[in-house]
Protein backbone atom coordinates (compact mmCIF):
# COMPACT_ATOMS: atom_id res chain seq x y z
CA MET A 1 68.27 -155.48 -13.24
CA ASP A 2 71.14 -153.28 -13.55
CA LEU A 3 71.03 -151.18 -16.28
CA GLY A 4 74.68 -150.26 -15.56
CA ILE A 5 74.36 -146.03 -16.27
CA ALA A 6 75.00 -145.13 -12.93
CA GLY A 7 77.13 -141.69 -12.92
CA ARG A 8 76.57 -141.30 -16.38
CA VAL A 9 75.16 -137.34 -17.65
CA ALA A 10 72.01 -137.52 -19.15
CA LEU A 11 70.56 -134.34 -20.84
CA VAL A 12 66.77 -134.50 -21.41
CA THR A 13 65.17 -131.65 -22.96
CA ALA A 14 61.14 -130.29 -22.86
CA SER A 15 61.17 -132.51 -19.41
CA SER A 16 59.22 -130.41 -17.11
CA LYS A 17 56.06 -132.47 -17.81
CA GLY A 18 54.93 -135.53 -19.45
CA LEU A 19 57.33 -138.24 -21.06
CA GLY A 20 60.28 -135.72 -21.00
CA ARG A 21 59.56 -135.65 -17.15
CA ALA A 22 59.13 -139.17 -16.83
CA SER A 23 62.11 -140.32 -18.71
CA ALA A 24 64.35 -137.64 -16.70
CA ILE A 25 63.03 -139.30 -13.44
CA ALA A 26 63.65 -143.17 -15.00
CA LEU A 27 67.34 -141.98 -15.34
CA ALA A 28 67.74 -140.36 -11.85
CA ASP A 29 66.27 -143.67 -10.77
CA GLU A 30 69.10 -145.67 -12.28
CA GLY A 31 71.98 -143.29 -10.80
CA CYS A 32 72.35 -140.65 -13.74
CA LYS A 33 73.07 -136.98 -13.31
CA VAL A 34 70.42 -135.34 -14.97
CA VAL A 35 69.81 -131.68 -16.87
CA VAL A 36 66.45 -130.81 -17.66
CA CYS A 37 65.03 -127.97 -19.71
CA ALA A 38 61.74 -126.24 -20.35
CA ARG A 39 60.10 -122.94 -21.40
CA GLY A 40 58.13 -122.97 -18.31
CA GLU A 41 59.99 -122.12 -14.74
CA ASP A 42 57.21 -123.25 -12.30
CA ALA A 43 57.12 -126.56 -13.33
CA LEU A 44 60.57 -126.88 -14.26
CA ARG A 45 61.29 -125.84 -10.52
CA ASP A 46 58.93 -128.56 -9.60
CA THR A 47 60.72 -131.38 -11.67
CA GLU A 48 63.99 -130.10 -10.50
CA LYS A 49 62.80 -130.51 -6.60
CA GLU A 50 61.66 -134.09 -7.67
CA LEU A 51 65.09 -135.10 -9.31
CA ALA A 52 67.10 -133.39 -6.82
CA ALA A 53 65.67 -135.76 -4.15
CA ARG A 54 67.23 -138.51 -6.15
CA THR A 55 70.27 -137.24 -8.00
CA ASP A 56 72.52 -134.40 -8.69
CA VAL A 57 70.40 -132.26 -11.19
CA LEU A 58 70.67 -128.90 -13.32
CA ALA A 59 67.55 -127.27 -14.62
CA ILE A 60 67.78 -125.00 -17.27
CA VAL A 61 65.02 -122.61 -18.55
CA ASP A 62 65.29 -122.45 -22.27
CA ASP A 63 63.38 -123.24 -25.57
CA VAL A 64 64.83 -126.10 -27.07
CA THR A 65 63.51 -125.28 -30.35
CA GLU A 66 65.30 -122.31 -30.51
CA PRO A 67 68.42 -122.85 -33.14
CA GLY A 68 70.98 -121.88 -30.64
CA ALA A 69 69.42 -123.53 -27.63
CA PRO A 70 70.58 -127.05 -28.24
CA GLN A 71 74.71 -125.82 -28.45
CA ARG A 72 73.50 -123.91 -25.17
CA LEU A 73 72.13 -126.92 -23.04
CA VAL A 74 75.09 -128.90 -24.21
CA GLU A 75 77.85 -126.48 -23.49
CA ALA A 76 76.10 -126.02 -19.67
CA THR A 77 75.45 -129.62 -19.20
CA VAL A 78 79.30 -130.01 -20.13
CA ASP A 79 80.31 -126.94 -17.84
CA ARG A 80 78.47 -128.60 -14.66
CA PHE A 81 79.12 -132.11 -15.42
CA GLY A 82 82.24 -132.90 -17.64
CA THR A 83 80.33 -134.20 -20.46
CA VAL A 84 77.32 -135.92 -21.91
CA ASP A 85 76.68 -139.28 -22.05
CA ILE A 86 72.91 -139.96 -22.47
CA LEU A 87 70.66 -137.73 -24.99
CA VAL A 88 67.05 -137.88 -24.96
CA PRO A 89 65.90 -135.25 -27.42
CA ASN A 90 61.99 -134.32 -26.64
CA ALA A 91 59.92 -131.19 -27.89
CA GLY A 92 55.98 -130.33 -27.80
CA GLY A 93 53.82 -131.71 -30.69
CA PRO A 94 52.45 -129.60 -33.13
CA PRO A 95 48.83 -128.54 -33.30
CA PRO A 96 46.46 -131.16 -34.73
CA GLY A 97 45.08 -130.79 -38.25
CA ARG A 98 44.61 -132.72 -41.74
CA ALA A 99 46.96 -133.19 -44.19
CA LEU A 100 45.98 -130.21 -46.57
CA GLU A 101 45.06 -127.83 -43.26
CA PHE A 102 48.24 -126.41 -42.61
CA ASP A 103 50.27 -123.55 -44.14
CA ASP A 104 53.82 -123.13 -44.93
CA ASP A 105 54.80 -121.40 -41.77
CA GLN A 106 53.14 -124.23 -39.48
CA LEU A 107 54.90 -126.85 -41.41
CA ALA A 108 58.20 -125.08 -40.98
CA ALA A 109 57.53 -124.49 -37.37
CA ALA A 110 56.82 -128.40 -36.94
CA LEU A 111 59.93 -129.62 -38.95
CA ASN A 112 61.64 -127.03 -36.67
CA ALA A 113 60.70 -128.50 -33.49
CA ASN A 114 60.16 -132.05 -34.06
CA LEU A 115 62.81 -132.85 -36.47
CA ALA A 116 65.54 -129.88 -36.76
CA THR A 117 65.88 -129.66 -32.95
CA SER A 118 66.68 -133.35 -32.20
CA VAL A 119 69.40 -132.99 -35.28
CA ARG A 120 70.73 -129.90 -33.66
CA LEU A 121 70.83 -131.72 -30.16
CA VAL A 122 72.70 -134.85 -31.35
CA ARG A 123 75.29 -133.04 -33.59
CA GLU A 124 76.33 -130.95 -30.45
CA SER A 125 76.31 -133.94 -28.04
CA VAL A 126 78.18 -136.59 -30.33
CA PRO A 127 81.59 -134.93 -29.92
CA HIS A 128 81.61 -135.51 -26.25
CA MET A 129 80.45 -139.28 -26.44
CA ARG A 130 83.28 -139.90 -29.22
CA GLU A 131 85.95 -138.85 -26.79
CA ARG A 132 84.93 -141.53 -24.51
CA HIS A 133 83.59 -144.13 -27.05
CA TRP A 134 80.27 -144.52 -25.40
CA GLY A 135 76.90 -143.01 -25.87
CA ARG A 136 73.02 -143.30 -25.89
CA ILE A 137 70.51 -141.52 -27.82
CA CYS A 138 66.84 -141.94 -27.57
CA CYS A 139 64.67 -139.84 -29.47
CA ILE A 140 60.78 -139.40 -28.28
CA THR A 141 58.79 -139.46 -31.17
CA SER A 142 55.12 -141.13 -31.75
CA SER A 143 53.90 -144.13 -32.95
CA SER A 144 52.69 -142.22 -35.94
CA ILE A 145 56.25 -142.91 -37.27
CA LYS A 146 55.11 -146.48 -38.16
CA GLN A 147 51.00 -145.31 -38.56
CA PRO A 148 50.05 -142.07 -39.61
CA ILE A 149 47.36 -140.50 -37.36
CA PRO A 150 45.18 -138.88 -40.09
CA THR A 151 44.11 -135.63 -37.52
CA LEU A 152 48.13 -135.09 -36.76
CA ALA A 153 49.44 -134.59 -40.36
CA LEU A 154 52.20 -132.05 -39.06
CA SER A 155 53.58 -134.43 -36.33
CA ASN A 156 52.97 -137.38 -38.65
CA THR A 157 55.40 -135.47 -41.24
CA ALA A 158 57.98 -134.13 -39.20
CA ARG A 159 58.39 -137.12 -36.90
CA THR A 160 58.75 -139.78 -39.85
CA GLY A 161 61.44 -137.30 -41.26
CA LEU A 162 63.07 -137.57 -37.95
CA TRP A 163 62.83 -141.36 -37.99
CA ALA A 164 64.40 -141.36 -41.37
CA TRP A 165 67.51 -139.32 -40.28
CA ILE A 166 67.84 -141.79 -37.19
CA LYS A 167 68.16 -144.94 -39.33
CA THR A 168 70.85 -142.98 -41.53
CA ALA A 169 72.53 -141.82 -38.68
CA ALA A 170 72.77 -144.93 -36.60
CA ALA A 171 74.97 -147.01 -38.87
CA GLU A 172 77.36 -143.95 -38.84
CA LEU A 173 77.29 -143.62 -34.87
CA PHE A 174 77.80 -147.23 -33.76
CA PRO A 175 81.75 -147.65 -34.77
CA ASP A 176 82.09 -145.05 -31.93
CA GLY A 177 80.24 -146.72 -29.32
CA ILE A 178 77.32 -144.81 -29.62
CA THR A 179 73.62 -145.84 -30.30
CA ILE A 180 70.84 -144.22 -31.26
CA ASN A 181 67.08 -145.38 -31.27
CA THR A 182 63.50 -143.81 -31.02
CA ALA A 183 60.80 -144.31 -28.25
CA ALA A 184 57.45 -144.18 -30.38
CA PRO A 185 54.63 -143.47 -27.83
CA GLY A 186 51.18 -144.25 -28.33
CA SER A 187 48.66 -142.33 -26.37
CA HIS A 188 49.85 -141.79 -22.51
CA ALA A 189 48.08 -139.69 -19.43
CA THR A 190 50.01 -136.57 -20.32
CA ASP A 191 48.60 -132.76 -20.39
CA ARG A 192 48.99 -132.93 -24.29
CA MET A 193 46.75 -136.14 -24.22
CA LYS A 194 44.40 -134.60 -22.23
CA GLN A 195 43.95 -131.92 -24.21
CA LEU A 196 43.74 -133.89 -27.24
CA GLY A 197 41.04 -136.42 -25.90
CA GLY A 198 38.80 -133.79 -24.35
CA GLY A 199 40.35 -134.65 -20.81
CA ASN A 200 39.61 -138.50 -20.98
CA THR A 201 43.00 -140.68 -20.40
CA GLU A 202 40.68 -143.92 -19.66
CA GLY A 203 43.25 -146.93 -21.45
CA MET A 204 46.03 -144.57 -22.21
CA GLY A 205 49.60 -145.49 -20.81
CA ASP A 206 51.37 -144.63 -17.66
CA PRO A 207 54.18 -142.10 -18.19
CA VAL A 208 56.42 -143.60 -15.62
CA ASP A 209 56.42 -146.98 -17.47
CA PHE A 210 57.47 -145.03 -20.80
CA GLY A 211 59.99 -143.49 -18.86
CA LYS A 212 61.73 -146.89 -17.97
CA VAL A 213 61.60 -147.87 -21.56
CA VAL A 214 63.62 -144.86 -22.44
CA ALA A 215 65.92 -145.55 -19.47
CA PHE A 216 66.52 -149.15 -20.68
CA LEU A 217 67.43 -147.92 -24.47
CA CYS A 218 69.72 -145.46 -22.94
CA SER A 219 71.19 -148.12 -20.84
CA GLN A 220 74.68 -150.73 -20.88
CA PRO A 221 72.58 -153.93 -22.04
CA ALA A 222 70.98 -152.17 -24.87
CA ASN A 223 74.63 -151.62 -26.50
CA PHE A 224 73.32 -153.77 -29.67
CA ILE A 225 70.64 -152.02 -30.30
CA THR A 226 70.48 -149.20 -32.67
CA GLY A 227 68.67 -147.66 -35.30
CA ALA A 228 65.46 -149.11 -33.56
CA ALA A 229 61.75 -147.84 -33.01
CA LEU A 230 60.15 -149.27 -30.31
CA GLN A 231 56.66 -148.82 -30.23
CA VAL A 232 55.14 -148.17 -26.75
CA ASP A 233 51.47 -148.12 -27.46
CA GLY A 234 49.72 -150.75 -26.06
CA GLY A 235 49.30 -152.55 -28.99
CA SER A 236 47.46 -149.99 -31.42
CA THR A 237 50.08 -149.75 -33.94
CA ILE A 238 48.91 -152.52 -36.20
CA GLY A 239 50.92 -152.87 -38.93
CA LEU A 240 53.73 -155.31 -39.62
CA LEU A 241 56.36 -153.22 -40.22
């Protein structure tokens, strides 16, 4: 199936490992030019090398959760490739804990990383998408936006707030040819899930498959899908909504 995005410019954040990396590779395989970023340079350079065998790539060492980073990343993308067509906001999840086990500073950090960071990225990218009357935004969140996970209270709180914002933004952006959705993963065999699960990844999803789902939500055929949360969780979310 031709996703119709060859030659498009994609910015994928926190993308040296895990689901961000898988998403960047999937978009590269569809012919997109890709910008990736991460805090750790060694892992980022490994990802850059793999992407460079597939497409034009720009790798930037930066912490996307810093308030000024989204502007820097979008500006660097536009300087290199002329625009931003596709945005995949992603950031590492907060530490585990139950609902009454975190303080104000931990709450603020989670809201910054897993809500405000994505809003900033969208705000910086949308003007370039509006110029071309075409854009795709796919935020990476979690299945917890539909079914809270008792031991991940901070993630539940921040990511559900982002989901509410996505639903609000979708109607505003659609008349400009821009869609905004979220891919909501369950357990996938990433480094984070290995840490949370004590190293056991049996029965978890393959990040490669998840990346292809993100690529579809960023595709031309997905032009009438917006304000949607696509669960990629192997059926673990059992609610009807």
